[in-house]
Amino acid sequence: MLVKIQTNWFVPAALAFPHKNEACSVLSKCVLFTHPSRFEIDNDKARRRRSNWHRLCGLGEAPALSEWEVQEAGAAVSSYLQELGVSEEDSEFMASKSSGYVKMLVEGVRDLEQLQWDERIAAFSFKDKILHIAVQKGDNGKLAYLETLGFSLSSSMNVATYLSAHTLPSLMHKVTRMKQLFFSAHSLDEFHFHLLVKNIHLMMRHLSISTDEDLQHTLAFFEKLEARRGGLNILASQHGAFRNLIESFPRLLQLSVDNHFTPILDFLHNIGIPTFRISGIILAFPPLLFWNLQLLRTRVLDLDQIDVADKNYAKLLLKYPWVLSTSIQQNYTEILAFLYSVQVQKTWIELAIESHPHLLGCSISKLKLMVDQLAGLGVRNKKLNQVIAKSPQLLLREPKDFLQIVLLFENMDFDKQTIGRILVRCPEIFAASINKTLRRKIEFLGKVGVSKTFLPGVIRKYPELLVSDTDKTLLQRIMYLMKLGLSEEDIAYMVRTFSPVLGYSIEGVLRPKIEFLVNSMERPVRDVVGYPRYFSHSLEKKIKPRFWVLKGRDIKCSLKDMLAKNDEEFAAEFMGIGRMLVCPPVSSKDSL
């Protein structure tokens, strides 16, 4: 007796219901699933189930496909695709690139041969049996085509469920046009792609609000990519980007290229998004492709509440495309209200968001934690405004990371009041990495002769040393001073007594003042070791006029006596009058 089960195959009743076959004790261990799954079909799992069936029934592993089977099945698939309207060249290419689809058809033929064909089909040639199975699958060749695009067979099956309205040629035409539209030859260059990946990682790290459906789908898309080999870098290739986009958002294939996608992308271009950056917007926030043009226009107009410079919303979108989501736009209102409540001026809020738009995804509870940490160091009201103006990214800091830096200073015997002053002066320190930046700078200072005893004093006078670039600034300035003939001990002494000395640029400050010292004042370079503060005085406003006064009176004195006094003291001691009257012209190029 033959029984029809939900696979649309006729099989012997004894095999359809093995537990009823008393003569086969092995088959009684096998269970056939006759209800289709509500979830995505996984063809790999289906193959594993088949292998388990063979093993449990004593048949061993399913044999590999022979070369003849592959060739015959490939020829059958090519013929089938041509019947569906695909060119001979394309059909042969697709048949050669859809090995999973071909294998599925061959295994389908094998399975039915084991379960016995009806007499009519049993008389078919192998190639005709392949064609019969292909027709029975009902996907009309779409599985083969999707596999050539790089989809796994299981993903192809899932995507194909959304494509019933398409013929294979119309699907191929749509995919070609979508690729051209989304990922044209003017797509992201390497620099902007890495910028996109960095931006996505920052968004995922700092997003701490309740998310709407669009953001949830976007996060699921990113998390799925991150779980794969290569992570977000998969999106670097046009084919990889399109495949993963469609795999996560298959309904995109149901939308019209001309009537839906083209108007949306034209609108983005018209508001100032460069053509080559549009693909970045799409990959960062795919759900906007489902919106109609009116909804997209409304969301962009809603950005008017964020007072960005020159109303340059394109710049904001490029930095943070997720600002178009409802949850982000609603959170902006809450951020404003909270920061107003702690006396932060709107000007600084807007500038903070413009430079660090990831603040828009930060919850009020998280912002409050950081504001409370700052307040604990005495940073409130006006001081809080100063900190936010200089380093708005500090508001995105994890409290535990911030407290580690506070503890670092406390271990150097700084009290909270002093730490607060350092914070206001150089908030970048508290936004830096404690291991990659701060500890390395402390180690560097130790190597140039600043021992732990002197370290607190050096940092107190010039905390900016902790966030200065070691290779591009500090080391180069040390090397410059050494080339002048100063020893490592000389430089260490200068840093200990006047730590800002390493903060001055070579061309803007050090070189011109050294040249004047040596060439005009005819003093040795070593004079600056005893008085490194020499570099802090203005060359045009103070050093030159005082030198010419002393030279005119044939007075010799140390650099400290010449420059450390205020104008009244200098005039009284060296000119015999109450106030220095020399007022030379000021050079626009003069620095500290």
Protein backbone atom coordinates (compact mmCIF):
# COMPACT_ATOMS: atom_id res chain seq x y z
CA MET A 1 0.00 0.00 0.00
CA LEU A 2 1.23 3.54 -0.82
CA VAL A 3 0.57 6.42 1.56
CA LYS A 4 0.94 10.12 0.71
CA ILE A 5 2.77 12.14 3.37
CA GLN A 6 3.41 15.90 3.51
CA THR A 7 6.58 15.63 1.45
CA ASN A 8 4.27 15.14 -1.58
CA TRP A 9 5.94 11.78 -2.14
CA PHE A 10 4.17 8.40 -2.25
CA VAL A 11 5.96 5.89 -0.04
CA PRO A 12 5.13 2.40 1.20
CA ALA A 13 3.04 2.46 4.35
CA ALA A 14 5.58 0.33 6.17
CA LEU A 15 8.20 3.02 5.61
CA ALA A 16 5.87 5.94 6.28
CA PHE A 17 4.92 4.45 9.63
CA PRO A 18 7.83 2.17 10.60
CA HIS A 19 6.59 1.59 14.13
CA LYS A 20 3.72 -0.44 12.62
CA ASN A 21 6.11 -2.80 10.81
CA GLU A 22 6.55 -5.70 13.23
CA ALA A 23 9.05 -7.38 10.94
CA CYS A 24 11.59 -4.60 11.17
CA SER A 25 12.84 -3.96 14.69
CA VAL A 26 15.47 -1.51 13.42
CA LEU A 27 12.95 0.62 11.59
CA SER A 28 10.87 0.90 14.74
CA LYS A 29 13.58 3.21 16.09
CA CYS A 30 13.03 5.70 13.26
CA VAL A 31 10.56 8.59 13.40
CA LEU A 32 9.41 10.56 10.36
CA PHE A 33 8.36 14.19 10.87
CA THR A 34 5.19 14.73 8.87
CA HIS A 35 4.51 18.34 9.92
CA PRO A 36 6.34 21.18 8.16
CA SER A 37 8.38 23.42 10.45
CA ARG A 38 7.22 26.99 11.10
CA PHE A 39 10.82 28.08 11.18
CA GLU A 40 13.48 28.60 8.56
CA ILE A 41 14.36 25.44 6.64
CA ASP A 42 17.90 24.26 7.22
CA ASN A 43 18.92 22.01 4.36
CA ASP A 44 22.10 21.01 6.20
CA LYS A 45 19.97 19.64 9.03
CA ALA A 46 17.82 17.81 6.49
CA ARG A 47 20.89 16.12 5.08
CA ARG A 48 22.05 15.21 8.58
CA ARG A 49 18.65 13.67 9.29
CA ARG A 50 18.98 11.62 6.11
CA SER A 51 22.41 10.41 7.20
CA ASN A 52 21.00 9.47 10.61
CA TRP A 53 18.19 7.55 8.85
CA HIS A 54 20.73 5.58 6.81
CA ARG A 55 22.85 4.87 9.88
CA LEU A 56 19.96 3.83 12.15
CA CYS A 57 18.52 1.59 9.49
CA GLY A 58 21.86 -0.12 8.93
CA LEU A 59 22.47 1.50 5.56
CA GLY A 60 25.60 3.50 6.52
CA GLU A 61 26.38 7.03 5.33
CA ALA A 62 24.75 8.24 2.11
CA PRO A 63 27.28 7.71 -0.71
CA ALA A 64 28.94 10.75 -2.26
CA LEU A 65 27.78 11.95 -5.67
CA SER A 66 29.58 10.38 -8.58
CA GLU A 67 31.10 12.52 -11.33
CA TRP A 68 28.49 11.16 -13.75
CA GLU A 69 25.64 12.13 -11.43
CA VAL A 70 27.03 15.65 -11.05
CA GLN A 71 27.44 16.10 -14.81
CA GLU A 72 24.01 14.72 -15.68
CA ALA A 73 22.29 16.65 -12.92
CA GLY A 74 24.12 19.85 -13.93
CA ALA A 75 23.02 19.41 -17.52
CA ALA A 76 19.44 18.83 -16.34
CA VAL A 77 19.50 21.96 -14.18
CA SER A 78 20.88 24.02 -17.08
CA SER A 79 18.14 22.71 -19.36
CA TYR A 80 15.50 23.42 -16.70
CA LEU A 81 16.71 27.01 -16.23
CA GLN A 82 16.63 27.62 -19.98
CA GLU A 83 13.00 26.48 -20.04
CA LEU A 84 12.34 29.15 -17.40
CA GLY A 85 13.71 31.88 -19.69
CA VAL A 86 17.38 32.03 -18.70
CA SER A 87 19.99 32.29 -21.45
CA GLU A 88 22.13 29.25 -22.23
CA GLU A 89 25.28 30.96 -20.98
CA ASP A 90 23.70 32.07 -17.71
CA SER A 91 22.02 28.71 -17.15
CA GLU A 92 25.29 26.80 -17.56
CA PHE A 93 27.03 29.21 -15.17
CA MET A 94 24.26 28.87 -12.58
CA ALA A 95 24.27 25.07 -12.85
CA SER A 96 28.04 25.00 -12.29
CA LYS A 97 27.83 27.34 -9.27
CA SER A 98 24.85 25.77 -7.47
CA SER A 99 26.41 22.56 -6.19
CA GLY A 100 24.18 22.49 -3.12
CA TYR A 101 21.06 22.71 -5.25
CA VAL A 102 22.34 20.01 -7.64
CA LYS A 103 23.21 17.73 -4.73
CA MET A 104 19.76 18.24 -3.22
CA LEU A 105 18.11 17.16 -6.49
CA VAL A 106 20.35 14.08 -6.83
CA GLU A 107 19.65 13.07 -3.24
CA GLY A 108 15.96 13.56 -3.93
CA VAL A 109 16.19 11.11 -6.82
CA ARG A 110 18.08 8.62 -4.66
CA ASP A 111 15.57 8.88 -1.83
CA LEU A 112 12.65 8.19 -4.13
CA GLU A 113 14.45 5.29 -5.76
CA GLN A 114 14.81 3.72 -2.32
CA LEU A 115 11.17 4.41 -1.55
CA GLN A 116 10.13 3.16 -5.04
CA TRP A 117 8.83 5.40 -7.84
CA ASP A 118 5.48 4.89 -9.47
CA GLU A 119 5.81 2.97 -12.73
CA ARG A 120 5.55 6.04 -14.98
CA ILE A 121 8.40 7.97 -13.29
CA ALA A 122 10.50 4.85 -12.78
CA ALA A 123 10.87 4.65 -16.55
CA PHE A 124 12.38 8.17 -16.74
CA SER A 125 16.06 8.69 -17.46
CA PHE A 126 18.22 10.01 -14.61
CA LYS A 127 18.18 13.48 -16.18
CA ASP A 128 14.38 13.45 -16.48
CA LYS A 129 14.09 12.36 -12.87
CA ILE A 130 16.23 15.36 -11.87
CA LEU A 131 13.91 17.61 -13.87
CA HIS A 132 10.90 16.01 -12.20
CA ILE A 133 12.30 16.66 -8.71
CA ALA A 134 13.22 20.24 -9.68
CA VAL A 135 9.66 20.92 -10.82
CA GLN A 136 8.23 19.32 -7.69
CA LYS A 137 10.32 21.66 -5.51
CA GLY A 138 8.24 24.55 -6.85
CA ASP A 139 10.90 27.25 -6.55
CA ASN A 140 11.14 27.66 -10.34
CA GLY A 141 14.92 27.77 -10.38
CA LYS A 142 15.25 30.52 -7.80
CA LEU A 143 17.20 28.31 -5.39
CA ALA A 144 19.88 27.70 -8.01
CA TYR A 145 20.14 31.41 -8.78
CA LEU A 146 20.30 32.46 -5.13
CA GLU A 147 23.06 29.94 -4.50
CA THR A 148 25.11 31.49 -7.31
CA LEU A 149 24.79 34.80 -5.43
CA GLY A 150 26.51 33.20 -2.46
CA PHE A 151 23.50 32.21 -0.34
CA SER A 152 23.65 28.88 1.44
CA LEU A 153 20.97 26.44 0.35
CA SER A 154 19.06 26.89 3.61
CA SER A 155 19.15 30.70 3.25
CA SER A 156 18.10 30.38 -0.38
CA MET A 157 15.06 28.38 0.68
CA ASN A 158 14.10 31.05 3.20
CA VAL A 159 14.55 33.94 0.76
CA ALA A 160 12.68 32.07 -1.99
CA THR A 161 9.51 32.06 0.14
CA TYR A 162 9.28 35.83 -0.48
CA LEU A 163 9.65 35.55 -4.25
CA SER A 164 6.48 33.83 -5.42
CA ALA A 165 5.51 36.87 -7.51
CA HIS A 166 8.77 36.78 -9.48
CA THR A 167 9.78 34.74 -12.47
CA LEU A 168 13.43 33.78 -12.50
CA PRO A 169 14.37 36.29 -15.26
CA SER A 170 12.53 39.12 -13.47
CA LEU A 171 14.31 38.26 -10.21
CA MET A 172 17.69 38.27 -11.93
CA HIS A 173 16.95 41.66 -13.49
CA LYS A 174 15.82 43.12 -10.15
CA VAL A 175 18.89 41.87 -8.29
CA THR A 176 21.19 43.39 -10.92
CA ARG A 177 19.45 46.76 -10.65
CA MET A 178 19.40 46.72 -6.85
CA LYS A 179 23.13 46.01 -6.73
CA GLN A 180 23.80 48.87 -9.14
CA LEU A 181 21.58 51.21 -7.15
CA PHE A 182 22.79 50.30 -3.64
CA PHE A 183 26.43 49.46 -4.34
CA SER A 184 27.50 51.26 -7.49
CA ALA A 185 31.03 51.71 -8.75
CA HIS A 186 31.10 54.87 -6.61
CA SER A 187 30.59 52.94 -3.36
CA LEU A 188 32.58 53.44 -0.17
CA ASP A 189 36.34 53.59 -0.43
CA GLU A 190 38.51 51.78 2.11
CA PHE A 191 38.79 54.78 4.43
CA HIS A 192 35.05 55.45 4.60
CA PHE A 193 34.26 51.75 4.96
CA HIS A 194 36.53 51.46 8.02
CA LEU A 195 34.88 54.63 9.33
CA LEU A 196 31.48 52.97 8.88
CA VAL A 197 32.56 49.82 10.74
CA LYS A 198 33.99 51.90 13.59
CA ASN A 199 30.78 53.91 13.76
CA ILE A 200 28.63 50.77 13.93
CA HIS A 201 30.75 49.38 16.75
CA LEU A 202 30.43 52.65 18.66
CA MET A 203 26.67 52.65 18.20
CA MET A 204 26.37 49.09 19.49
CA ARG A 205 28.61 49.89 22.47
CA HIS A 206 26.88 53.09 23.57
CA LEU A 207 23.22 52.35 22.76
CA SER A 208 21.47 51.99 26.11
CA ILE A 209 17.87 53.06 25.46
CA SER A 210 14.75 51.07 24.69
CA THR A 211 14.77 50.48 20.94
CA ASP A 212 11.98 50.61 18.40
CA GLU A 213 11.38 47.79 15.91
CA ASP A 214 13.62 49.31 13.22
CA LEU A 215 16.58 49.57 15.59
CA GLN A 216 15.96 46.05 16.89
CA HIS A 217 16.13 44.64 13.35
CA THR A 218 19.27 46.69 12.69
CA LEU A 219 21.01 45.41 15.82
CA ALA A 220 20.02 41.83 14.95
CA PHE A 221 21.59 42.37 11.50
CA PHE A 222 24.87 43.58 13.04
CA GLU A 223 24.96 40.84 15.67
CA LYS A 224 24.41 38.19 13.00
CA LEU A 225 27.33 39.59 11.00
CA GLU A 226 29.57 39.83 14.07
CA ALA A 227 28.96 36.15 14.79
CA ARG A 228 30.37 35.19 11.39
CA ARG A 229 33.96 34.91 10.31
CA GLY A 230 35.10 38.34 9.20
CA GLY A 231 32.41 40.16 11.17
CA LEU A 232 31.30 43.49 9.76
CA ASN A 233 34.16 43.39 7.25
CA ILE A 234 31.97 41.01 5.23
CA LEU A 235 30.18 44.15 4.06
CA ALA A 236 33.33 45.41 2.32
CA SER A 237 32.51 43.54 -0.89
CA GLN A 238 29.49 44.41 -3.00
CA HIS A 239 28.42 40.76 -3.20
CA GLY A 240 28.88 40.12 0.51
CA ALA A 241 26.99 43.29 1.43
CA PHE A 242 24.05 42.50 -0.85
CA ARG A 243 23.83 38.86 0.18
CA ASN A 244 23.81 39.60 3.90
CA LEU A 245 21.42 42.51 3.47
CA ILE A 246 18.89 40.32 1.64
CA GLU A 247 19.42 37.39 3.98
CA SER A 248 18.39 39.55 6.95
CA PHE A 249 15.82 41.66 5.07
CA PRO A 250 14.42 39.39 2.31
CA ARG A 251 11.26 41.50 1.92
CA LEU A 252 13.42 44.09 0.12
CA LEU A 253 13.11 41.87 -2.97
CA GLN A 254 9.36 42.48 -2.97
CA LEU A 255 9.73 46.26 -3.40
CA SER A 256 9.88 48.13 -6.70
CA VAL A 257 13.23 49.48 -7.84
CA ASP A 258 11.75 52.35 -9.86
CA ASN A 259 8.79 53.30 -7.69
CA HIS A 260 10.29 52.71 -4.25
CA PHE A 261 14.08 52.51 -4.00
CA THR A 262 15.01 55.13 -6.59
CA PRO A 263 12.93 57.96 -5.00
CA ILE A 264 14.37 57.17 -1.55
CA LEU A 265 17.98 57.25 -2.71
CA ASP A 266 17.35 60.39 -4.78
CA PHE A 267 15.97 62.08 -1.67
CA LEU A 268 19.06 61.17 0.36
CA HIS A 269 21.26 62.57 -2.38
CA ASN A 270 19.20 65.77 -2.58
CA ILE A 271 19.61 66.52 1.14
CA GLY A 272 23.39 66.37 0.76
CA ILE A 273 24.45 62.74 1.12
CA PRO A 274 27.25 62.14 -1.43
CA THR A 275 26.45 59.33 -3.88
CA PHE A 276 29.39 57.21 -2.77
CA ARG A 277 28.30 57.45 0.91
CA ILE A 278 24.68 56.33 0.36
CA SER A 279 25.63 52.64 0.56
CA GLY A 280 27.02 53.35 4.04
CA ILE A 281 23.68 54.81 5.14
CA ILE A 282 21.87 51.74 3.77
CA LEU A 283 24.16 49.24 5.50
CA ALA A 284 24.10 51.16 8.78
CA PHE A 285 20.31 51.45 8.91
CA PRO A 286 18.63 49.05 6.39
CA PRO A 287 15.04 49.52 7.67
CA LEU A 288 14.83 52.99 6.10
CA LEU A 289 14.61 51.18 2.73
CA PHE A 290 11.17 49.94 3.76
CA TRP A 291 9.85 53.45 4.47
CA ASN A 292 7.83 55.33 1.91
CA LEU A 293 9.16 58.67 0.76
CA GLN A 294 6.74 60.67 2.90
CA LEU A 295 7.82 58.90 6.09
CA LEU A 296 11.50 59.43 5.29
CA ARG A 297 10.89 63.11 4.58
CA THR A 298 9.02 63.48 7.89
CA ARG A 299 11.81 61.81 9.86
CA VAL A 300 14.41 64.12 8.30
CA LEU A 301 12.26 67.18 9.01
CA ASP A 302 12.01 66.05 12.63
CA LEU A 303 15.77 66.57 12.88
CA ASP A 304 15.03 70.29 12.95
CA GLN A 305 14.67 70.00 16.73
CA ILE A 306 18.41 69.24 16.86
CA ASP A 307 20.12 72.58 16.31
CA VAL A 308 23.13 71.47 14.24
CA ALA A 309 25.41 74.04 12.60
CA ASP A 310 24.04 75.42 9.32
CA LYS A 311 21.21 72.87 9.51
CA ASN A 312 23.64 70.38 7.98
CA TYR A 313 21.56 67.26 8.58
CA ALA A 314 23.49 65.31 5.96
CA LYS A 315 26.60 65.55 8.14
CA LEU A 316 24.64 64.31 11.15
CA LEU A 317 23.16 61.42 9.15
CA LEU A 318 26.58 60.36 7.92
CA LYS A 319 27.86 60.29 11.50
CA TYR A 320 24.76 58.77 13.06
CA PRO A 321 22.09 57.52 10.59
CA TRP A 322 20.19 55.90 13.46
CA VAL A 323 19.01 59.42 14.40
CA LEU A 324 16.15 58.77 11.97
CA SER A 325 14.63 56.15 14.29
CA THR A 326 11.77 57.17 16.54
CA SER A 327 13.44 55.93 19.73
CA ILE A 328 16.55 58.08 19.12
CA GLN A 329 14.52 61.18 18.28
CA GLN A 330 12.40 60.74 21.40
CA ASN A 331 15.51 60.25 23.52
CA TYR A 332 16.93 63.57 22.32
CA THR A 333 14.09 65.42 24.06
CA GLU A 334 14.85 63.58 27.29
CA ILE A 335 18.57 64.32 27.01
CA LEU A 336 17.85 68.04 26.63
CA ALA A 337 15.59 68.07 29.68
CA PHE A 338 18.14 66.24 31.84
CA LEU A 339 21.16 68.35 30.87
CA TYR A 340 19.12 71.54 31.35
CA SER A 341 18.34 70.30 34.86
CA VAL A 342 22.07 70.18 35.72
CA GLN A 343 22.66 73.68 34.29
CA VAL A 344 24.32 72.69 31.00
CA GLN A 345 23.77 75.36 28.35
CA LYS A 346 22.01 74.41 25.12
CA THR A 347 24.98 75.66 23.08
CA TRP A 348 27.27 73.08 24.65
CA ILE A 349 24.64 70.36 24.38
CA GLU A 350 24.23 70.91 20.64
CA LEU A 351 27.99 71.08 20.06
CA ALA A 352 28.44 67.90 22.08
CA ILE A 353 25.84 66.05 20.00
CA GLU A 354 27.26 67.39 16.76
CA SER A 355 30.77 66.15 17.59
CA HIS A 356 29.69 62.96 19.40
CA PRO A 357 26.19 62.01 18.14
CA HIS A 358 26.41 58.63 19.88
CA LEU A 359 25.20 60.57 22.92
CA LEU A 360 21.78 60.40 21.26
CA GLY A 361 21.60 56.68 22.03
CA CYS A 362 22.64 57.10 25.66
CA SER A 363 19.95 56.61 28.28
CA ILE A 364 19.25 59.28 30.90
CA SER A 365 20.09 56.84 33.70
CA LYS A 366 23.54 56.26 32.21
CA LEU A 367 24.14 60.00 31.68
CA LYS A 368 23.12 60.66 35.27
CA LEU A 369 25.66 58.15 36.56
CA MET A 370 28.48 60.03 34.83
CA VAL A 371 27.22 63.47 35.84
CA ASP A 372 27.08 62.26 39.45
CA GLN A 373 30.67 61.00 39.20
CA LEU A 374 31.78 64.42 37.96
CA ALA A 375 29.86 66.17 40.71
CA GLY A 376 31.66 64.00 43.27
CA LEU A 377 34.89 65.70 42.19
CA GLY A 378 33.37 69.16 42.48
CA VAL A 379 32.61 69.50 38.76
CA ARG A 380 29.20 71.19 38.64
CA ASN A 381 27.42 74.05 36.87
CA LYS A 382 30.02 76.24 35.11
CA LYS A 383 32.77 73.65 35.50
CA LEU A 384 30.49 70.96 34.08
CA ASN A 385 29.88 73.18 31.04
CA GLN A 386 33.65 73.54 30.59
CA VAL A 387 34.18 69.79 30.71
CA ILE A 388 31.36 69.04 28.25
CA ALA A 389 32.60 71.77 25.91
CA LYS A 390 36.11 70.23 25.83
CA SER A 391 35.35 66.51 26.02
CA PRO A 392 31.68 65.61 25.48
CA GLN A 393 32.74 61.98 24.95
CA LEU A 394 33.31 61.83 28.70
CA LEU A 395 29.54 61.51 29.12
CA LEU A 396 29.73 58.21 27.23
CA ARG A 397 32.31 56.81 29.63
CA GLU A 398 31.51 53.75 31.70
CA PRO A 399 31.52 54.83 35.38
CA LYS A 400 33.82 51.94 36.34
CA ASP A 401 36.41 53.04 33.75
CA PHE A 402 36.17 56.63 34.98
CA LEU A 403 36.65 55.53 38.59
CA GLN A 404 39.77 53.57 37.63
CA ILE A 405 41.37 56.81 36.44
CA VAL A 406 40.31 58.61 39.61
CA LEU A 407 41.90 55.77 41.60
CA LEU A 408 45.10 56.12 39.53
CA PHE A 409 45.39 59.75 40.68
CA GLU A 410 44.47 58.90 44.26
CA ASN A 411 47.29 56.35 44.30
CA MET A 412 49.63 59.25 43.43
CA ASP A 413 48.37 61.07 46.57
CA PHE A 414 46.08 63.53 44.76
CA ASP A 415 43.02 64.56 46.77
CA LYS A 416 39.59 64.80 45.14
CA GLN A 417 39.75 68.59 44.88
CA THR A 418 43.01 68.44 42.93
CA ILE A 419 41.69 65.62 40.75
CA GLY A 420 38.65 67.79 40.02
CA ARG A 421 40.89 70.69 38.97
CA ILE A 422 42.88 68.40 36.67
CA LEU A 423 39.59 67.13 35.23
CA VAL A 424 38.37 70.63 34.41
CA ARG A 425 41.70 71.63 32.90
CA CYS A 426 42.23 68.47 30.83
CA PRO A 427 39.10 66.27 30.70
CA GLU A 428 40.63 64.30 27.82
CA ILE A 429 42.66 62.42 30.45
CA PHE A 430 39.50 60.93 31.94
CA ALA A 431 38.24 59.85 28.52
CA ALA A 432 41.53 58.08 27.69
CA SER A 433 42.42 54.42 28.08
CA ILE A 434 44.11 53.78 31.40
CA ASN A 435 46.31 51.00 29.98
CA LYS A 436 46.89 52.10 26.38
CA THR A 437 47.47 55.78 27.17
CA LEU A 438 47.87 56.86 30.78
CA ARG A 439 50.07 54.10 32.19
CA ARG A 440 52.27 54.23 29.08
CA LYS A 441 52.77 57.98 29.50
CA ILE A 442 53.68 57.51 33.15
CA GLU A 443 56.19 54.82 32.15
CA PHE A 444 57.59 57.16 29.48
CA LEU A 445 58.05 59.98 31.98
CA GLY A 446 59.87 57.55 34.26
CA LYS A 447 62.24 56.66 31.43
CA VAL A 448 63.11 60.31 30.80
CA GLY A 449 64.01 60.82 34.44
CA VAL A 450 60.76 61.76 36.19
CA SER A 451 60.72 59.49 39.24
CA LYS A 452 57.62 58.64 41.27
CA THR A 453 58.65 61.30 43.77
CA PHE A 454 58.43 64.10 41.20
CA LEU A 455 55.59 62.63 39.11
CA PRO A 456 52.67 64.23 41.04
CA GLY A 457 54.25 67.68 40.75
CA VAL A 458 54.90 67.27 37.03
CA ILE A 459 51.31 66.16 36.38
CA ARG A 460 49.85 68.88 38.60
CA LYS A 461 51.69 71.59 36.65
CA TYR A 462 51.04 70.15 33.20
CA PRO A 463 48.49 67.28 33.13
CA GLU A 464 48.32 67.53 29.32
CA LEU A 465 51.52 65.43 29.24
CA LEU A 466 49.36 62.37 29.92
CA VAL A 467 47.47 62.74 26.63
CA SER A 468 50.30 64.03 24.44
CA ASP A 469 51.44 61.78 21.60
CA THR A 470 54.65 60.09 22.69
CA ASP A 471 56.19 59.51 19.26
CA LYS A 472 54.95 62.56 17.37
CA THR A 473 55.39 65.19 20.08
CA LEU A 474 57.16 64.30 23.33
CA LEU A 475 59.94 62.18 21.89
CA GLN A 476 60.61 64.58 19.02
CA ARG A 477 60.93 67.54 21.41
CA ILE A 478 63.29 65.60 23.64
CA MET A 479 65.41 64.65 20.63
CA TYR A 480 65.49 68.28 19.50
CA LEU A 481 66.76 69.43 22.89
CA MET A 482 69.38 66.68 22.93
CA LYS A 483 70.62 67.74 19.48
CA LEU A 484 71.24 71.19 20.97
CA GLY A 485 73.71 69.55 23.33
CA LEU A 486 71.56 69.00 26.41
CA SER A 487 71.96 65.69 28.24
CA GLU A 488 69.18 63.36 29.39
CA GLU A 489 69.81 64.56 32.95
CA ASP A 490 69.43 68.19 31.82
CA ILE A 491 66.11 67.46 30.14
CA ALA A 492 64.86 65.43 33.13
CA TYR A 493 65.66 68.37 35.42
CA MET A 494 63.84 70.78 33.08
CA VAL A 495 60.75 68.56 33.00
CA ARG A 496 60.76 68.17 36.80
CA THR A 497 61.05 71.91 37.41
CA PHE A 498 58.85 73.09 34.54
CA SER A 499 56.84 70.22 33.00
CA PRO A 500 55.11 72.36 30.30
CA VAL A 501 58.49 72.55 28.52
CA LEU A 502 57.56 69.40 26.57
CA GLY A 503 54.25 70.95 25.58
CA TYR A 504 55.78 73.60 23.29
CA SER A 505 56.09 72.99 19.56
CA ILE A 506 59.55 72.91 18.04
CA GLU A 507 58.93 75.29 15.15
CA GLY A 508 56.49 77.62 16.91
CA VAL A 509 58.29 78.07 20.22
CA LEU A 510 61.47 76.11 20.96
CA ARG A 511 63.52 76.83 17.83
CA PRO A 512 62.89 80.62 17.50
CA LYS A 513 63.54 81.22 21.20
CA ILE A 514 66.70 79.09 21.20
CA GLU A 515 67.96 80.90 18.09
CA PHE A 516 67.39 84.30 19.73
CA LEU A 517 69.05 83.07 22.92
CA VAL A 518 72.17 81.88 21.09
CA ASN A 519 72.46 84.31 18.17
CA SER A 520 71.21 87.60 19.62
CA MET A 521 71.66 87.23 23.35
CA GLU A 522 74.91 85.28 22.86
CA ARG A 523 74.11 82.94 25.71
CA PRO A 524 74.82 79.17 25.87
CA VAL A 525 71.93 76.75 25.35
CA ARG A 526 72.51 75.34 28.84
CA ASP A 527 71.11 78.55 30.32
CA VAL A 528 67.60 77.19 29.68
CA VAL A 529 68.34 74.22 31.99
CA GLY A 530 68.48 76.53 34.98
CA TYR A 531 65.43 78.46 33.82
CA PRO A 532 63.23 76.31 31.48
CA ARG A 533 60.37 78.74 32.07
CA TYR A 534 62.22 80.91 29.51
CA PHE A 535 60.14 79.15 26.83
CA SER A 536 56.88 80.31 28.43
CA HIS A 537 57.58 84.02 27.89
CA SER A 538 56.56 85.82 24.71
CA LEU A 539 59.51 86.38 22.41
CA GLU A 540 58.18 89.64 20.96
CA LYS A 541 56.37 91.05 23.99
CA LYS A 542 58.86 90.24 26.74
CA ILE A 543 62.12 88.51 25.84
CA LYS A 544 63.27 90.85 23.06
CA PRO A 545 62.30 94.20 24.64
CA ARG A 546 63.85 93.34 28.02
CA PHE A 547 67.02 92.07 26.36
CA TRP A 548 67.41 95.28 24.34
CA VAL A 549 66.87 97.38 27.48
CA LEU A 550 69.56 95.43 29.36
CA LYS A 551 71.94 95.47 26.41
CA GLY A 552 71.52 99.23 26.01
CA ARG A 553 72.46 99.67 29.66
CA ASP A 554 75.22 97.06 29.47
CA ILE A 555 73.59 95.06 32.25
CA LYS A 556 74.22 91.32 32.53
CA CYS A 557 71.94 89.08 34.55
CA SER A 558 70.50 85.56 34.58
CA LEU A 559 67.50 84.58 32.47
CA LYS A 560 65.46 84.27 35.66
CA ASP A 561 66.32 87.80 36.84
CA MET A 562 65.61 89.12 33.37
CA LEU A 563 62.21 87.47 32.87
CA ALA A 564 60.73 86.35 36.21
CA LYS A 565 60.00 89.88 37.45
CA ASN A 566 56.85 91.75 36.49
CA ASP A 567 57.13 95.01 34.53
CA GLU A 568 57.19 97.25 37.61
CA GLU A 569 59.86 95.19 39.35
CA PHE A 570 61.99 95.02 36.21
CA ALA A 571 61.74 98.76 35.58
CA ALA A 572 62.52 99.58 39.21
CA GLU A 573 65.59 97.35 39.36
CA PHE A 574 67.13 97.83 35.94
CA MET A 575 65.79 101.19 34.74
CA GLY A 576 65.43 103.16 37.93
CA ILE A 577 61.80 104.08 37.15
CA GLY A 578 58.46 102.86 38.33
CA ARG A 579 57.31 101.27 35.12
CA MET A 580 58.83 99.85 31.99
CA LEU A 581 57.94 102.09 29.06
CA VAL A 582 59.21 99.95 26.17
CA CYS A 583 56.33 98.73 24.05
CA PRO A 584 57.72 97.10 20.89
CA PRO A 585 55.56 95.89 18.00
CA VAL A 586 53.97 92.47 18.44
CA SER A 587 54.58 89.74 15.87
CA SER A 588 51.48 87.86 14.76
CA LYS A 589 53.58 84.69 14.68
CA ASP A 590 54.65 84.91 18.29
CA SER A 591 53.66 82.02 20.55
CA LEU A 592 53.92 81.35 24.25
